[in-house]
C-alpha atoms as a PDB file:
ATOM      1  CA  VAL A   1       0.008  -0.048  -0.219  1.00  0.00           C
ATOM      2  CA  GLN A   2       1.575   3.111  -1.330  1.00  0.00           C
ATOM      3  CA  VAL A   3       0.259   6.621  -1.869  1.00  0.00           C
ATOM      4  CA  VAL A   4       2.568   9.526  -3.466  1.00  0.00           C
ATOM      5  CA  GLU A   5       1.347  13.147  -3.661  1.00  0.00           C
ATOM      6  CA  SER A   6       2.250  15.653  -6.096  1.00  0.00           C
ATOM      7  CA  GLY A   7       1.092  19.101  -6.847  1.00  0.00           C
ATOM      8  CA  GLY A   8       2.711  21.256  -4.085  1.00  0.00           C
ATOM      9  CA  GLY A   9       4.402  24.603  -4.695  1.00  0.00           C
ATOM     10  CA  LEU A  10       4.579  28.604  -3.954  1.00  0.00           C
ATOM     11  CA  VAL A  11       1.147  30.273  -4.500  1.00  0.00           C
ATOM     12  CA  GLN A  12       0.416  33.938  -3.700  1.00  0.00           C
ATOM     13  CA  PRO A  13      -2.592  34.747  -1.437  1.00  0.00           C
ATOM     14  CA  GLY A  14      -5.821  34.235  -3.011  1.00  0.00           C
ATOM     15  CA  GLY A  15      -4.627  31.736  -5.309  1.00  0.00           C
ATOM     16  CA  SER A  16      -5.207  27.896  -6.109  1.00  0.00           C
ATOM     17  CA  VAL A  17      -3.435  24.682  -6.573  1.00  0.00           C
ATOM     18  CA  THR A  18      -4.447  21.186  -6.977  1.00  0.00           C
ATOM     19  CA  LEU A  19      -2.690  18.484  -5.017  1.00  0.00           C
ATOM     20  CA  SER A  20      -2.865  14.892  -6.384  1.00  0.00           C
ATOM     21  CA  CYS A  21      -2.700  11.826  -4.173  1.00  0.00           C
ATOM     22  CA  LYS A  22      -2.457   8.425  -6.564  1.00  0.00           C
ATOM     23  CA  ALA A  23      -2.718   5.255  -4.466  1.00  0.00           C
ATOM     24  CA  SER A  24      -1.181   1.802  -5.571  1.00  0.00           C
ATOM     25  CA  GLY A  25      -1.051  -1.599  -4.143  1.00  0.00           C
ATOM     26  CA  PHE A  26      -4.722  -1.500  -3.322  1.00  0.00           C
ATOM     27  CA  GLY A  27      -8.171  -1.015  -4.476  1.00  0.00           C
ATOM     28  CA  LEU A  28     -10.076   2.104  -3.206  1.00  0.00           C
ATOM     29  CA  GLU A  29     -13.472   0.384  -3.208  1.00  0.00           C
ATOM     30  CA  ASN A  30     -14.140   1.085   0.297  1.00  0.00           C
ATOM     31  CA  TYR A  31     -11.515   3.424   2.123  1.00  0.00           C
ATOM     32  CA  GLY A  32     -11.152   6.699   3.716  1.00  0.00           C
ATOM     33  CA  ILE A  33      -8.387   8.516   1.793  1.00  0.00           C
ATOM     34  CA  GLY A  34      -7.484  12.316   2.471  1.00  0.00           C
ATOM     35  CA  TRP A  35      -5.117  15.042   3.570  1.00  0.00           C
ATOM     36  CA  PHE A  36      -3.536  16.173   6.586  1.00  0.00           C
ATOM     37  CA  ARG A  37      -1.257  19.001   6.838  1.00  0.00           C
ATOM     38  CA  GLN A  38       1.852  20.048   9.004  1.00  0.00           C
ATOM     39  CA  ALA A  39       2.810  23.530   9.815  1.00  0.00           C
ATOM     40  CA  PRO A  40       6.296  24.160  11.057  1.00  0.00           C
ATOM     41  CA  GLY A  41       6.700  23.168  14.544  1.00  0.00           C
ATOM     42  CA  LYS A  42       2.872  21.920  14.862  1.00  0.00           C
ATOM     43  CA  ASP A  43       1.040  18.404  14.964  1.00  0.00           C
ATOM     44  CA  ASN A  44      -0.338  17.143  11.625  1.00  0.00           C
ATOM     45  CA  LYS A  45      -4.191  18.721  11.411  1.00  0.00           C
ATOM     46  CA  GLY A  46      -6.616  16.813   9.394  1.00  0.00           C
ATOM     47  CA  VAL A  47      -7.804  18.992   6.395  1.00  0.00           C
ATOM     48  CA  SER A  48     -10.189  16.885   4.207  1.00  0.00           C
ATOM     49  CA  CYS A  49     -11.179  12.933   3.738  1.00  0.00           C
ATOM     50  CA  ILE A  50     -13.508  11.123   1.253  1.00  0.00           C
ATOM     51  CA  ASN A  51     -15.066   7.561   1.885  1.00  0.00           C
ATOM     52  CA  THR A  52     -14.956   5.694  -1.036  1.00  0.00           C
ATOM     53  CA  SER A  53     -17.734   3.611  -0.408  1.00  0.00           C
ATOM     54  CA  ASP A  54     -20.159   6.241  -0.573  1.00  0.00           C
ATOM     55  CA  ASP A  55     -18.101   9.545  -1.689  1.00  0.00           C
ATOM     56  CA  SER A  56     -18.984  11.127   1.429  1.00  0.00           C
ATOM     57  CA  THR A  57     -16.670  13.987   2.424  1.00  0.00           C
ATOM     58  CA  TYR A  58     -15.271  15.762   5.101  1.00  0.00           C
ATOM     59  CA  TYR A  59     -13.648  19.041   5.603  1.00  0.00           C
ATOM     60  CA  ALA A  60     -12.000  20.922   8.501  1.00  0.00           C
ATOM     61  CA  ASP A  61     -13.839  24.071   9.598  1.00  0.00           C
ATOM     62  CA  SER A  62     -10.676  26.303   8.332  1.00  0.00           C
ATOM     63  CA  VAL A  63     -10.732  25.007   4.797  1.00  0.00           C
ATOM     64  CA  LYS A  64     -14.703  24.593   4.115  1.00  0.00           C
ATOM     65  CA  GLY A  65     -15.823  26.587   0.912  1.00  0.00           C
ATOM     66  CA  ARG A  66     -12.392  27.053  -0.218  1.00  0.00           C
ATOM     67  CA  PHE A  67     -10.840  23.273  -0.495  1.00  0.00           C
ATOM     68  CA  PHE A  68     -12.807  20.602  -2.530  1.00  0.00           C
ATOM     69  CA  ILE A  69     -12.037  17.058  -2.501  1.00  0.00           C
ATOM     70  CA  SER A  70     -12.689  14.409  -5.437  1.00  0.00           C
ATOM     71  CA  ARG A  71     -11.583  11.226  -6.644  1.00  0.00           C
ATOM     72  CA  ASP A  72     -10.838   9.242 -10.215  1.00  0.00           C
ATOM     73  CA  LYS A  73     -11.714   5.893  -9.689  1.00  0.00           C
ATOM     74  CA  ALA A  74     -10.128   4.972 -12.820  1.00  0.00           C
ATOM     75  CA  THR A  75      -6.550   5.980 -11.849  1.00  0.00           C
ATOM     76  CA  ASN A  76      -7.094   5.309  -8.127  1.00  0.00           C
ATOM     77  CA  THR A  77      -5.888   9.287  -7.857  1.00  0.00           C
ATOM     78  CA  VAL A  78      -7.680  11.637  -5.295  1.00  0.00           C
ATOM     79  CA  TYR A  79      -7.355  15.451  -5.563  1.00  0.00           C
ATOM     80  CA  LEU A  80      -7.597  18.396  -3.190  1.00  0.00           C
ATOM     81  CA  GLN A  81      -8.476  21.616  -5.064  1.00  0.00           C
ATOM     82  CA  MET A  82      -7.228  24.527  -2.710  1.00  0.00           C
ATOM     83  CA  ASN A  83      -8.621  27.778  -3.444  1.00  0.00           C
ATOM     84  CA  ASP A  84      -8.760  31.203  -2.113  1.00  0.00           C
ATOM     85  CA  LEU A  85      -5.349  30.096  -0.243  1.00  0.00           C
ATOM     86  CA  LYS A  86      -3.965  31.866   2.766  1.00  0.00           C
ATOM     87  CA  PRO A  87      -0.674  32.264   4.340  1.00  0.00           C
ATOM     88  CA  GLU A  88      -1.946  30.021   7.082  1.00  0.00           C
ATOM     89  CA  ASP A  89      -2.711  27.263   4.378  1.00  0.00           C
ATOM     90  CA  THR A  90       1.073  26.838   4.400  1.00  0.00           C
ATOM     91  CA  ALA A  91       2.139  23.574   5.464  1.00  0.00           C
ATOM     92  CA  ILE A  92       3.568  20.168   4.103  1.00  0.00           C
ATOM     93  CA  TYR A  93       0.360  18.472   3.123  1.00  0.00           C
ATOM     94  CA  TYR A  94      -0.141  14.328   3.484  1.00  0.00           C
ATOM     95  CA  CYS A  95      -1.821  11.923   1.685  1.00  0.00           C
ATOM     96  CA  ALA A  96      -3.524   9.335   4.291  1.00  0.00           C
ATOM     97  CA  VAL A  97      -5.306   6.101   3.562  1.00  0.00           C
ATOM     98  CA  ASP A  98      -7.179   4.030   5.808  1.00  0.00           C
ATOM     99  CA  GLU A  99      -9.556   0.907   5.496  1.00  0.00           C
ATOM    100  CA  ARG A 100     -11.428   2.149   8.015  1.00  0.00           C
ATOM    101  CA  PRO A 101     -13.012   5.523   6.808  1.00  0.00           C
ATOM    102  CA  SER A 102     -15.000   6.692  10.299  1.00  0.00           C
ATOM    103  CA  PHE A 103     -11.068   6.076  12.030  1.00  0.00           C
ATOM    104  CA  LEU A 104      -9.973   8.471   9.386  1.00  0.00           C
ATOM    105  CA  VAL A 105     -12.334  11.083  10.083  1.00  0.00           C
ATOM    106  CA  ALA A 106     -12.031  11.021  13.795  1.00  0.00           C
ATOM    107  CA  THR A 107      -7.989  11.167  13.443  1.00  0.00           C
ATOM    108  CA  MET A 108      -8.739  14.030  11.047  1.00  0.00           C
ATOM    109  CA  LYS A 109     -10.686  15.916  13.788  1.00  0.00           C
ATOM    110  CA  ALA A 110      -8.197  14.920  16.354  1.00  0.00           C
ATOM    111  CA  GLY A 111      -5.186  15.419  14.931  1.00  0.00           C
ATOM    112  CA  LEU A 112      -2.238  13.253  14.635  1.00  0.00           C
ATOM    113  CA  ALA A 113       1.261  13.908  16.112  1.00  0.00           C
ATOM    114  CA  PRO A 114       4.208  12.444  13.946  1.00  0.00           C
ATOM    115  CA  SER A 115       4.611   9.326  16.122  1.00  0.00           C
ATOM    116  CA  GLN A 116       0.689   8.647  15.598  1.00  0.00           C
ATOM    117  CA  VAL A 117       1.117   8.352  11.821  1.00  0.00           C
ATOM    118  CA  ARG A 118       1.450   4.796  11.660  1.00  0.00           C
ATOM    119  CA  ALA A 119      -1.629   4.230  12.898  1.00  0.00           C
ATOM    120  CA  LEU A 120      -3.196   4.436   9.858  1.00  0.00           C
ATOM    121  CA  ASP A 121      -2.749   1.977   6.723  1.00  0.00           C
ATOM    122  CA  ALA A 122      -0.600   4.705   4.393  1.00  0.00           C
ATOM    123  CA  TRP A 123       1.111   7.726   4.853  1.00  0.00           C
ATOM    124  CA  GLY A 124       2.774   9.459   2.103  1.00  0.00           C
ATOM    125  CA  GLN A 125       5.900  11.553   1.875  1.00  0.00           C
ATOM    126  CA  GLY A 126       4.227  15.036   1.897  1.00  0.00           C
ATOM    127  CA  THR A 127       4.491  18.000  -0.761  1.00  0.00           C
ATOM    128  CA  LEU A 128       5.143  21.551   0.345  1.00  0.00           C
ATOM    129  CA  VAL A 129       2.390  24.226  -0.039  1.00  0.00           C
ATOM    130  CA  THR A 130       3.900  27.736   0.612  1.00  0.00           C
ATOM    131  CA  VAL A 131       1.055  30.654   0.289  1.00  0.00           C
ATOM    132  CA  SER A 132       3.313  33.954   0.363  1.00  0.00           C
ATOM    133  CA  SER A 133       3.466  37.034  -1.924  1.00  0.00           C
END
């Protein structure tokens, strides 16, 4: 089980960027897959995830209305479209997968220390998003 993120970079405030997470080694028929982010010196905070069994979604309050998660079943890829970016969105964004969608949502709401990421089935290498003028 592996996930690989891409799409980060430097973005101006108010700009947009789309992150991709490609999964391999398993199908996405009944998983939770989504994004955490880690700002410098902080724990991982849940951003958004999607339940592949019913396409239900979760968004952190801080990104509601600005970020949108979607998936491509054919390519096992999940996307996070990030709009109206703010400097406080600057972070390393990690893709995570777990076969327990409700557990993934719970960890997103609670946050995840770096030492706890192994509790999930898969955790990516991360992609840096910097929002700055």
